[in-house]
């Protein structure tokens, strides 16, 4: 499960509602939630944040919390 999938589970977010509100298919949302190789596009993340009444910056921080700059 991806960070987005974990976030959906933690907040009990209904993917069908998100799909209806954003126009992002349920299949695409499932891929984003379950497949770590699926890339989340910024426009999708922004629409998801709006659909769940979340600050887009907060969602970005949560979804990307494992990212770090490489050591020099």
N, C-alpha and C. Protein backbone atom coordinates (compact mmCIF):
# COMPACT_ATOMS: atom_id res chain seq x y z
N UNK A 1 0.85 -1.18 0.00
CA UNK A 1 0.00 0.00 0.00
C UNK A 1 0.90 1.25 0.00
N UNK A 2 0.48 2.25 -0.72
CA UNK A 2 1.25 3.49 -0.81
C UNK A 2 0.91 4.42 0.34
N UNK A 3 1.65 5.50 0.45
CA UNK A 3 1.34 6.51 1.48
C UNK A 3 -0.06 7.09 1.26
N UNK A 4 -0.44 7.27 0.01
CA UNK A 4 -1.79 7.77 -0.27
C UNK A 4 -2.83 6.74 0.18
N UNK A 5 -2.58 5.48 -0.09
CA UNK A 5 -3.49 4.42 0.35
C UNK A 5 -3.61 4.37 1.86
N UNK A 6 -2.47 4.50 2.55
CA UNK A 6 -2.49 4.54 4.01
C UNK A 6 -3.27 5.74 4.52
N UNK A 7 -3.11 6.87 3.85
CA UNK A 7 -3.82 8.09 4.23
C UNK A 7 -5.33 7.88 4.06
N UNK A 8 -5.73 7.29 2.92
CA UNK A 8 -7.14 7.00 2.70
C UNK A 8 -7.69 6.11 3.80
N UNK A 9 -6.94 5.09 4.16
CA UNK A 9 -7.39 4.15 5.20
C UNK A 9 -7.48 4.83 6.56
N UNK A 10 -6.45 5.61 6.90
CA UNK A 10 -6.41 6.28 8.20
C UNK A 10 -7.58 7.25 8.37
N UNK A 11 -7.92 7.95 7.29
CA UNK A 11 -9.00 8.95 7.34
C UNK A 11 -10.35 8.38 6.93
N UNK A 12 -10.41 7.07 6.62
CA UNK A 12 -11.65 6.41 6.17
C UNK A 12 -12.26 7.14 4.99
N UNK A 13 -11.45 7.40 4.00
CA UNK A 13 -11.88 8.14 2.82
C UNK A 13 -12.49 7.16 1.82
N UNK A 14 -13.67 7.50 1.33
CA UNK A 14 -14.39 6.69 0.36
C UNK A 14 -13.89 7.03 -1.05
N UNK A 15 -13.24 6.08 -1.69
CA UNK A 15 -12.67 6.31 -3.02
C UNK A 15 -13.74 6.59 -4.07
N UNK A 16 -14.92 6.02 -3.90
CA UNK A 16 -16.00 6.27 -4.85
C UNK A 16 -16.43 7.74 -4.81
N UNK A 17 -16.50 8.29 -3.62
CA UNK A 17 -16.82 9.71 -3.49
C UNK A 17 -15.73 10.58 -4.11
N UNK A 18 -14.47 10.23 -3.86
CA UNK A 18 -13.36 10.98 -4.43
C UNK A 18 -13.41 10.91 -5.95
N UNK A 19 -13.68 9.74 -6.47
CA UNK A 19 -13.77 9.56 -7.92
C UNK A 19 -14.88 10.42 -8.51
N UNK A 20 -16.03 10.39 -7.88
CA UNK A 20 -17.17 11.18 -8.36
C UNK A 20 -16.87 12.67 -8.34
N UNK A 21 -16.23 13.14 -7.28
CA UNK A 21 -15.95 14.56 -7.13
C UNK A 21 -14.82 15.06 -8.03
N UNK A 22 -13.84 14.19 -8.30
CA UNK A 22 -12.65 14.62 -9.03
C UNK A 22 -12.64 14.25 -10.51
N UNK A 23 -13.39 13.22 -10.86
CA UNK A 23 -13.33 12.71 -12.23
C UNK A 23 -12.19 11.72 -12.43
N UNK A 24 -11.44 11.43 -11.38
CA UNK A 24 -10.38 10.42 -11.43
C UNK A 24 -11.07 9.07 -11.27
N UNK A 25 -10.79 8.15 -12.17
CA UNK A 25 -11.48 6.86 -12.13
C UNK A 25 -11.15 6.09 -10.85
N UNK A 26 -12.08 5.21 -10.47
CA UNK A 26 -11.86 4.37 -9.29
C UNK A 26 -10.66 3.45 -9.51
N UNK A 27 -10.47 3.02 -10.75
CA UNK A 27 -9.32 2.17 -11.08
C UNK A 27 -8.02 2.93 -10.85
N UNK A 28 -7.98 4.17 -11.30
CA UNK A 28 -6.77 4.99 -11.12
C UNK A 28 -6.53 5.24 -9.63
N UNK A 29 -7.55 5.53 -8.88
CA UNK A 29 -7.40 5.75 -7.43
C UNK A 29 -6.89 4.48 -6.75
N UNK A 30 -7.37 3.32 -7.17
CA UNK A 30 -6.89 2.06 -6.60
C UNK A 30 -5.41 1.86 -6.91
N UNK A 31 -5.02 2.17 -8.14
CA UNK A 31 -3.60 2.07 -8.52
C UNK A 31 -2.75 3.00 -7.66
N UNK A 32 -3.22 4.23 -7.50
CA UNK A 32 -2.47 5.21 -6.69
C UNK A 32 -2.37 4.78 -5.23
N UNK A 33 -3.38 4.10 -4.74
CA UNK A 33 -3.42 3.68 -3.34
C UNK A 33 -2.65 2.39 -3.08
N UNK A 34 -2.52 1.55 -4.10
CA UNK A 34 -1.97 0.22 -3.86
C UNK A 34 -0.64 -0.08 -4.54
N UNK A 35 -0.32 0.61 -5.62
CA UNK A 35 0.87 0.29 -6.40
C UNK A 35 1.93 1.37 -6.23
N UNK A 36 3.01 1.03 -5.59
CA UNK A 36 4.08 2.01 -5.31
C UNK A 36 4.76 2.50 -6.59
N UNK A 37 4.62 1.77 -7.69
CA UNK A 37 5.23 2.19 -8.95
C UNK A 37 4.38 3.18 -9.73
N UNK A 38 3.15 3.39 -9.29
CA UNK A 38 2.26 4.34 -9.95
C UNK A 38 2.58 5.75 -9.47
N UNK A 39 2.81 6.64 -10.41
CA UNK A 39 3.19 8.01 -10.07
C UNK A 39 1.94 8.89 -9.90
N UNK A 40 1.84 9.55 -8.77
CA UNK A 40 0.77 10.49 -8.48
C UNK A 40 1.11 11.82 -9.13
N UNK A 41 0.24 12.28 -10.02
CA UNK A 41 0.45 13.57 -10.68
C UNK A 41 -0.04 14.69 -9.77
N UNK A 42 0.58 15.84 -9.89
CA UNK A 42 0.26 16.95 -8.99
C UNK A 42 -1.19 17.40 -9.17
N UNK A 43 -1.71 17.38 -10.38
CA UNK A 43 -3.10 17.78 -10.57
C UNK A 43 -4.06 16.79 -9.90
N UNK A 44 -3.71 15.50 -9.90
CA UNK A 44 -4.52 14.51 -9.20
C UNK A 44 -4.49 14.74 -7.70
N UNK A 45 -3.30 14.98 -7.18
CA UNK A 45 -3.16 15.21 -5.74
C UNK A 45 -3.97 16.44 -5.31
N UNK A 46 -3.91 17.48 -6.11
CA UNK A 46 -4.64 18.71 -5.79
C UNK A 46 -6.15 18.46 -5.80
N UNK A 47 -6.64 17.77 -6.81
CA UNK A 47 -8.07 17.47 -6.88
C UNK A 47 -8.51 16.58 -5.73
N UNK A 48 -7.69 15.59 -5.38
CA UNK A 48 -8.02 14.71 -4.25
C UNK A 48 -8.11 15.53 -2.97
N UNK A 49 -7.16 16.42 -2.76
CA UNK A 49 -7.17 17.27 -1.56
C UNK A 49 -8.44 18.11 -1.50
N UNK A 50 -8.84 18.69 -2.62
CA UNK A 50 -10.07 19.48 -2.64
C UNK A 50 -11.28 18.61 -2.35
N UNK A 51 -11.31 17.41 -2.90
CA UNK A 51 -12.45 16.51 -2.73
C UNK A 51 -12.62 16.05 -1.29
N UNK A 52 -11.53 15.95 -0.56
CA UNK A 52 -11.62 15.46 0.83
C UNK A 52 -11.50 16.60 1.84
N UNK A 53 -11.60 17.83 1.36
CA UNK A 53 -11.53 19.03 2.21
C UNK A 53 -10.25 19.07 3.03
N UNK A 54 -9.14 18.77 2.38
CA UNK A 54 -7.82 18.80 3.01
C UNK A 54 -6.98 19.86 2.34
N UNK A 55 -6.12 20.48 3.10
CA UNK A 55 -5.17 21.44 2.55
C UNK A 55 -4.22 20.67 1.64
N UNK A 56 -4.07 21.08 0.37
CA UNK A 56 -3.18 20.36 -0.54
C UNK A 56 -1.76 20.22 -0.01
N UNK A 57 -1.28 21.21 0.71
CA UNK A 57 0.08 21.13 1.27
C UNK A 57 0.17 20.05 2.35
N UNK A 58 -0.87 19.91 3.14
CA UNK A 58 -0.89 18.86 4.16
C UNK A 58 -0.90 17.48 3.52
N UNK A 59 -1.69 17.32 2.48
CA UNK A 59 -1.73 16.03 1.78
C UNK A 59 -0.38 15.74 1.13
N UNK A 60 0.22 16.73 0.52
CA UNK A 60 1.54 16.55 -0.09
C UNK A 60 2.57 16.14 0.96
N UNK A 61 2.56 16.78 2.09
CA UNK A 61 3.48 16.46 3.17
C UNK A 61 3.29 15.02 3.63
N UNK A 62 2.05 14.59 3.76
CA UNK A 62 1.76 13.23 4.21
C UNK A 62 2.17 12.20 3.16
N UNK A 63 1.84 12.45 1.92
CA UNK A 63 2.13 11.49 0.85
C UNK A 63 3.63 11.39 0.58
N UNK A 64 4.36 12.47 0.78
CA UNK A 64 5.79 12.50 0.45
C UNK A 64 6.68 12.42 1.68
N UNK A 65 6.15 12.01 2.82
CA UNK A 65 6.91 12.06 4.05
C UNK A 65 8.16 11.18 4.04
N UNK A 66 8.21 10.18 3.19
CA UNK A 66 9.39 9.31 3.13
C UNK A 66 10.49 9.80 2.20
N UNK A 67 10.24 10.87 1.48
CA UNK A 67 11.24 11.37 0.54
C UNK A 67 12.30 12.20 1.24
N UNK A 68 13.53 11.95 0.89
CA UNK A 68 14.67 12.71 1.45
C UNK A 68 15.63 13.03 0.33
N UNK A 69 16.36 14.11 0.47
CA UNK A 69 17.40 14.45 -0.49
C UNK A 69 18.55 13.45 -0.33
N UNK A 70 19.18 13.08 -1.45
CA UNK A 70 20.34 12.18 -1.33
C UNK A 70 21.51 12.89 -0.64
N UNK A 71 22.29 12.12 0.07
CA UNK A 71 23.45 12.70 0.73
C UNK A 71 24.49 13.06 -0.31
N UNK A 72 25.18 14.13 -0.07
CA UNK A 72 26.23 14.58 -1.00
C UNK A 72 27.55 13.96 -0.67
